[in-house]
Amino acid sequence: MKKIILSLFILCFTVGCGSKGVEVDLIPAGNRAPANEFTASYLNTSDIKGLASVKGKVVILDFWATWCGPCRMEIPGLVRLYQQFRGKGLEVVGLSVEVNDNRPKEYFDKFMSENQITYPMGLATMDTLRNYGVNPIPSTFFLDKNGKVALSFVGVHPEGEFLSAVEKLLAEK
């Protein structure tokens, strides 16, 4: 009987720890700093040209690398968020730190295809990496519709935290 009760408790606890219902606290709107400009050599789009091209949108800037296991863990969630909220004002921009690795574009094309990445992906410039203070990765910045930093994460985070941030930012006026 004790094993059954313990098993049910563990099951309920595990289900309760899923990504739904996770809350994050954004930086209060009045305390947000303007986002730094970001530039990259884009691999799958020519539509993104820094902050001006995403004006009025909620933006997730995800700094990552193909060789980074935690970064790769976040990709499926970013793909789902992009698919779910792109039409509602979300832009996801993946900025790889592999700018100096001299990998051919085909390497990244294959990676994006295998991981079904449809959001804009590029190789961040060294200035962008410096401006955002990226170290370590993954480093993720959430920009509000006014181009200000509303939240940032360092390290891998559950998809539910990304979802919570996006929903709150999209709801802001």
C-alpha atoms as a PDB file:
ATOM      1  CA  MET A   1       0.000   0.000   0.000  1.00  0.00           C
ATOM      2  CA  LYS A   2       2.823   2.422   0.861  1.00  0.00           C
ATOM      3  CA  LYS A   3       4.416   1.743  -2.533  1.00  0.00           C
ATOM      4  CA  ILE A   4       1.148   2.557  -4.316  1.00  0.00           C
ATOM      5  CA  ILE A   5       0.717   5.826  -2.403  1.00  0.00           C
ATOM      6  CA  LEU A   6       4.349   6.754  -2.987  1.00  0.00           C
ATOM      7  CA  SER A   7       4.008   5.937  -6.702  1.00  0.00           C
ATOM      8  CA  LEU A   8       0.877   8.092  -7.003  1.00  0.00           C
ATOM      9  CA  PHE A   9       2.597  10.965  -5.187  1.00  0.00           C
ATOM     10  CA  ILE A  10       5.599  10.762  -7.507  1.00  0.00           C
ATOM     11  CA  LEU A  11       3.333  10.599 -10.560  1.00  0.00           C
ATOM     12  CA  CYS A  12       1.333  13.644  -9.450  1.00  0.00           C
ATOM     13  CA  PHE A  13       4.504  15.569  -8.615  1.00  0.00           C
ATOM     14  CA  THR A  14       6.087  14.710 -11.957  1.00  0.00           C
ATOM     15  CA  VAL A  15       3.005  15.719 -13.934  1.00  0.00           C
ATOM     16  CA  GLY A  16       2.815  18.935 -11.916  1.00  0.00           C
ATOM     17  CA  CYS A  17       6.389  19.808 -12.893  1.00  0.00           C
ATOM     18  CA  GLY A  18       5.636  20.053 -16.590  1.00  0.00           C
ATOM     19  CA  SER A  19       6.175  23.207 -18.611  1.00  0.00           C
ATOM     20  CA  LYS A  20       2.584  24.456 -18.384  1.00  0.00           C
ATOM     21  CA  GLY A  21       1.817  26.944 -15.656  1.00  0.00           C
ATOM     22  CA  VAL A  22       5.425  28.071 -15.205  1.00  0.00           C
ATOM     23  CA  GLU A  23       5.667  31.749 -14.348  1.00  0.00           C
ATOM     24  CA  VAL A  24       8.531  34.144 -14.953  1.00  0.00           C
ATOM     25  CA  ASP A  25       8.885  37.697 -13.737  1.00  0.00           C
ATOM     26  CA  LEU A  26       9.693  40.251 -16.394  1.00  0.00           C
ATOM     27  CA  ILE A  27      11.731  43.345 -15.656  1.00  0.00           C
ATOM     28  CA  PRO A  28       9.156  46.074 -14.873  1.00  0.00           C
ATOM     29  CA  ALA A  29       8.526  48.136 -18.022  1.00  0.00           C
ATOM     30  CA  GLY A  30       9.886  51.343 -16.496  1.00  0.00           C
ATOM     31  CA  ASN A  31      13.164  49.659 -15.561  1.00  0.00           C
ATOM     32  CA  ARG A  32      13.962  48.065 -18.912  1.00  0.00           C
ATOM     33  CA  ALA A  33      17.085  49.074 -20.800  1.00  0.00           C
ATOM     34  CA  PRO A  34      17.096  49.531 -24.574  1.00  0.00           C
ATOM     35  CA  ALA A  35      18.357  46.459 -26.386  1.00  0.00           C
ATOM     36  CA  ASN A  36      21.684  46.664 -28.142  1.00  0.00           C
ATOM     37  CA  GLU A  37      21.783  46.538 -31.898  1.00  0.00           C
ATOM     38  CA  PHE A  38      22.377  43.052 -33.259  1.00  0.00           C
ATOM     39  CA  THR A  39      23.948  42.101 -36.558  1.00  0.00           C
ATOM     40  CA  ALA A  40      24.683  38.774 -38.169  1.00  0.00           C
ATOM     41  CA  SER A  41      25.379  37.021 -41.417  1.00  0.00           C
ATOM     42  CA  TYR A  42      21.999  35.408 -41.907  1.00  0.00           C
ATOM     43  CA  LEU A  43      21.872  31.911 -43.256  1.00  0.00           C
ATOM     44  CA  ASN A  44      18.184  31.537 -44.088  1.00  0.00           C
ATOM     45  CA  THR A  45      16.706  35.021 -44.471  1.00  0.00           C
ATOM     46  CA  SER A  46      17.411  38.516 -45.653  1.00  0.00           C
ATOM     47  CA  ASP A  47      14.447  40.005 -43.772  1.00  0.00           C
ATOM     48  CA  ILE A  48      16.246  40.611 -40.470  1.00  0.00           C
ATOM     49  CA  LYS A  49      18.471  43.660 -40.382  1.00  0.00           C
ATOM     50  CA  GLY A  50      18.783  44.337 -36.673  1.00  0.00           C
ATOM     51  CA  LEU A  51      16.420  46.091 -34.300  1.00  0.00           C
ATOM     52  CA  ALA A  52      14.705  48.219 -36.943  1.00  0.00           C
ATOM     53  CA  SER A  53      13.457  45.132 -38.790  1.00  0.00           C
ATOM     54  CA  VAL A  54      11.705  43.725 -35.694  1.00  0.00           C
ATOM     55  CA  LYS A  55      10.239  47.004 -34.421  1.00  0.00           C
ATOM     56  CA  GLY A  56       6.880  46.489 -32.744  1.00  0.00           C
ATOM     57  CA  LYS A  57       7.426  42.756 -32.233  1.00  0.00           C
ATOM     58  CA  VAL A  58       8.312  40.671 -29.214  1.00  0.00           C
ATOM     59  CA  VAL A  59      11.726  39.177 -29.955  1.00  0.00           C
ATOM     60  CA  ILE A  60      13.607  36.207 -28.579  1.00  0.00           C
ATOM     61  CA  LEU A  61      17.328  36.586 -29.316  1.00  0.00           C
ATOM     62  CA  ASP A  62      18.885  33.187 -28.749  1.00  0.00           C
ATOM     63  CA  PHE A  63      22.678  32.978 -28.675  1.00  0.00           C
ATOM     64  CA  TRP A  64      23.761  29.398 -29.212  1.00  0.00           C
ATOM     65  CA  ALA A  65      26.067  26.995 -31.109  1.00  0.00           C
ATOM     66  CA  THR A  66      25.632  23.684 -32.927  1.00  0.00           C
ATOM     67  CA  TRP A  67      28.159  22.008 -30.607  1.00  0.00           C
ATOM     68  CA  CYS A  68      26.362  23.166 -27.421  1.00  0.00           C
ATOM     69  CA  GLY A  69      24.190  20.394 -25.973  1.00  0.00           C
ATOM     70  CA  PRO A  70      22.032  22.660 -23.762  1.00  0.00           C
ATOM     71  CA  CYS A  71      21.528  25.007 -26.722  1.00  0.00           C
ATOM     72  CA  ARG A  72      20.318  22.109 -28.856  1.00  0.00           C
ATOM     73  CA  MET A  73      17.901  21.081 -26.090  1.00  0.00           C
ATOM     74  CA  GLU A  74      16.100  24.433 -26.373  1.00  0.00           C
ATOM     75  CA  ILE A  75      15.673  24.376 -30.161  1.00  0.00           C
ATOM     76  CA  PRO A  76      12.467  22.264 -30.360  1.00  0.00           C
ATOM     77  CA  GLY A  77      10.743  24.624 -27.915  1.00  0.00           C
ATOM     78  CA  LEU A  78      11.872  27.680 -29.862  1.00  0.00           C
ATOM     79  CA  VAL A  79      10.570  26.102 -33.075  1.00  0.00           C
ATOM     80  CA  ARG A  80       7.171  25.463 -31.426  1.00  0.00           C
ATOM     81  CA  LEU A  81       6.976  28.999 -30.007  1.00  0.00           C
ATOM     82  CA  TYR A  82       7.845  30.486 -33.386  1.00  0.00           C
ATOM     83  CA  GLN A  83       5.191  28.412 -35.135  1.00  0.00           C
ATOM     84  CA  GLN A  84       2.563  29.189 -32.504  1.00  0.00           C
ATOM     85  CA  PHE A  85       3.156  32.929 -32.060  1.00  0.00           C
ATOM     86  CA  ARG A  86       4.784  34.224 -35.233  1.00  0.00           C
ATOM     87  CA  GLY A  87       1.462  35.448 -36.578  1.00  0.00           C
ATOM     88  CA  LYS A  88       0.730  37.132 -33.243  1.00  0.00           C
ATOM     89  CA  GLY A  89       3.833  39.336 -33.184  1.00  0.00           C
ATOM     90  CA  LEU A  90       6.709  37.091 -32.075  1.00  0.00           C
ATOM     91  CA  GLU A  91      10.068  36.936 -33.813  1.00  0.00           C
ATOM     92  CA  VAL A  92      12.683  34.366 -32.844  1.00  0.00           C
ATOM     93  CA  VAL A  93      16.238  35.081 -33.986  1.00  0.00           C
ATOM     94  CA  GLY A  94      18.918  32.442 -33.505  1.00  0.00           C
ATOM     95  CA  LEU A  95      22.405  33.930 -33.376  1.00  0.00           C
ATOM     96  CA  SER A  96      25.201  31.390 -33.476  1.00  0.00           C
ATOM     97  CA  VAL A  97      28.481  32.169 -31.743  1.00  0.00           C
ATOM     98  CA  GLU A  98      30.297  30.075 -34.369  1.00  0.00           C
ATOM     99  CA  VAL A  99      31.232  33.147 -36.390  1.00  0.00           C
ATOM    100  CA  ASN A 100      34.940  32.269 -36.236  1.00  0.00           C
ATOM    101  CA  ASP A 101      34.587  28.534 -36.814  1.00  0.00           C
ATOM    102  CA  ASN A 102      34.697  28.892 -40.626  1.00  0.00           C
ATOM    103  CA  ARG A 103      32.058  26.210 -41.159  1.00  0.00           C
ATOM    104  CA  PRO A 104      30.492  26.271 -44.628  1.00  0.00           C
ATOM    105  CA  LYS A 105      26.910  27.451 -45.060  1.00  0.00           C
ATOM    106  CA  GLU A 106      25.950  23.885 -46.041  1.00  0.00           C
ATOM    107  CA  TYR A 107      26.848  22.705 -42.523  1.00  0.00           C
ATOM    108  CA  PHE A 108      24.298  25.111 -41.033  1.00  0.00           C
ATOM    109  CA  ASP A 109      21.732  24.404 -43.770  1.00  0.00           C
ATOM    110  CA  LYS A 110      21.883  20.707 -42.865  1.00  0.00           C
ATOM    111  CA  PHE A 111      21.643  21.483 -39.132  1.00  0.00           C
ATOM    112  CA  MET A 112      18.618  23.759 -39.651  1.00  0.00           C
ATOM    113  CA  SER A 113      16.924  21.169 -41.849  1.00  0.00           C
ATOM    114  CA  GLU A 114      17.545  18.290 -39.426  1.00  0.00           C
ATOM    115  CA  ASN A 115      16.178  20.386 -36.536  1.00  0.00           C
ATOM    116  CA  GLN A 116      13.289  21.879 -38.542  1.00  0.00           C
ATOM    117  CA  ILE A 117      14.445  25.414 -37.748  1.00  0.00           C
ATOM    118  CA  THR A 118      12.383  27.903 -39.723  1.00  0.00           C
ATOM    119  CA  TYR A 119      13.040  30.997 -37.649  1.00  0.00           C
ATOM    120  CA  PRO A 120      15.797  33.408 -38.761  1.00  0.00           C
ATOM    121  CA  MET A 121      19.248  31.994 -38.062  1.00  0.00           C
ATOM    122  CA  GLY A 122      22.569  33.718 -38.445  1.00  0.00           C
ATOM    123  CA  LEU A 123      26.171  33.955 -37.350  1.00  0.00           C
ATOM    124  CA  ALA A 124      26.426  36.786 -34.815  1.00  0.00           C
ATOM    125  CA  THR A 125      29.092  39.395 -35.391  1.00  0.00           C
ATOM    126  CA  MET A 126      31.800  39.852 -32.786  1.00  0.00           C
ATOM    127  CA  ASP A 127      30.370  43.302 -31.995  1.00  0.00           C
ATOM    128  CA  THR A 128      26.974  41.762 -31.258  1.00  0.00           C
ATOM    129  CA  LEU A 129      28.518  39.123 -28.995  1.00  0.00           C
ATOM    130  CA  ARG A 130      30.435  41.842 -27.118  1.00  0.00           C
ATOM    131  CA  ASN A 131      27.433  44.184 -26.920  1.00  0.00           C
ATOM    132  CA  TYR A 132      25.287  41.466 -25.356  1.00  0.00           C
ATOM    133  CA  GLY A 133      28.066  40.087 -23.149  1.00  0.00           C
ATOM    134  CA  VAL A 134      27.414  36.582 -24.387  1.00  0.00           C
ATOM    135  CA  ASN A 135      29.289  34.065 -22.280  1.00  0.00           C
ATOM    136  CA  PRO A 136      28.290  31.330 -21.570  1.00  0.00           C
ATOM    137  CA  ILE A 137      25.712  29.908 -23.959  1.00  0.00           C
ATOM    138  CA  PRO A 138      22.885  29.461 -24.327  1.00  0.00           C
ATOM    139  CA  SER A 139      22.107  33.079 -23.552  1.00  0.00           C
ATOM    140  CA  THR A 140      18.612  34.252 -24.398  1.00  0.00           C
ATOM    141  CA  PHE A 141      17.229  37.781 -24.403  1.00  0.00           C
ATOM    142  CA  PHE A 142      13.548  38.682 -24.563  1.00  0.00           C
ATOM    143  CA  LEU A 143      12.855  42.079 -26.113  1.00  0.00           C
ATOM    144  CA  ASP A 144       9.535  43.845 -25.696  1.00  0.00           C
ATOM    145  CA  LYS A 145       7.636  45.576 -28.508  1.00  0.00           C
ATOM    146  CA  ASN A 146       9.554  48.787 -27.761  1.00  0.00           C
ATOM    147  CA  GLY A 147      12.955  47.164 -28.288  1.00  0.00           C
ATOM    148  CA  LYS A 148      13.831  46.971 -24.599  1.00  0.00           C
ATOM    149  CA  VAL A 149      15.238  43.978 -22.715  1.00  0.00           C
ATOM    150  CA  ALA A 150      12.425  42.523 -20.609  1.00  0.00           C
ATOM    151  CA  LEU A 151      14.165  39.326 -19.477  1.00  0.00           C
ATOM    152  CA  SER A 152      17.304  37.311 -20.073  1.00  0.00           C
ATOM    153  CA  PHE A 153      18.302  33.731 -19.381  1.00  0.00           C
ATOM    154  CA  VAL A 154      21.729  32.168 -19.171  1.00  0.00           C
ATOM    155  CA  GLY A 155      21.843  28.404 -19.507  1.00  0.00           C
ATOM    156  CA  VAL A 156      19.115  26.017 -20.495  1.00  0.00           C
ATOM    157  CA  HIS A 157      15.579  26.801 -19.304  1.00  0.00           C
ATOM    158  CA  PRO A 158      12.294  24.901 -19.573  1.00  0.00           C
ATOM    159  CA  GLU A 159      10.048  25.670 -22.500  1.00  0.00           C
ATOM    160  CA  GLY A 160       7.336  26.769 -20.070  1.00  0.00           C
ATOM    161  CA  GLU A 161       9.464  29.705 -18.946  1.00  0.00           C
ATOM    162  CA  PHE A 162       9.889  30.813 -22.557  1.00  0.00           C
ATOM    163  CA  LEU A 163       6.127  30.440 -23.101  1.00  0.00           C
ATOM    164  CA  SER A 164       5.306  32.451 -19.979  1.00  0.00           C
ATOM    165  CA  ALA A 165       7.626  35.290 -21.035  1.00  0.00           C
ATOM    166  CA  VAL A 166       6.267  35.371 -24.593  1.00  0.00           C
ATOM    167  CA  GLU A 167       2.628  35.389 -23.473  1.00  0.00           C
ATOM    168  CA  LYS A 168       3.258  38.210 -20.990  1.00  0.00           C
ATOM    169  CA  LEU A 169       5.184  40.286 -23.522  1.00  0.00           C
ATOM    170  CA  LEU A 170       2.603  39.805 -26.271  1.00  0.00           C
ATOM    171  CA  ALA A 171      -0.132  40.898 -23.837  1.00  0.00           C
ATOM    172  CA  GLU A 172       1.625  44.181 -23.069  1.00  0.00           C
ATOM    173  CA  LYS A 173       0.276  47.307 -24.726  1.00  0.00           C
END
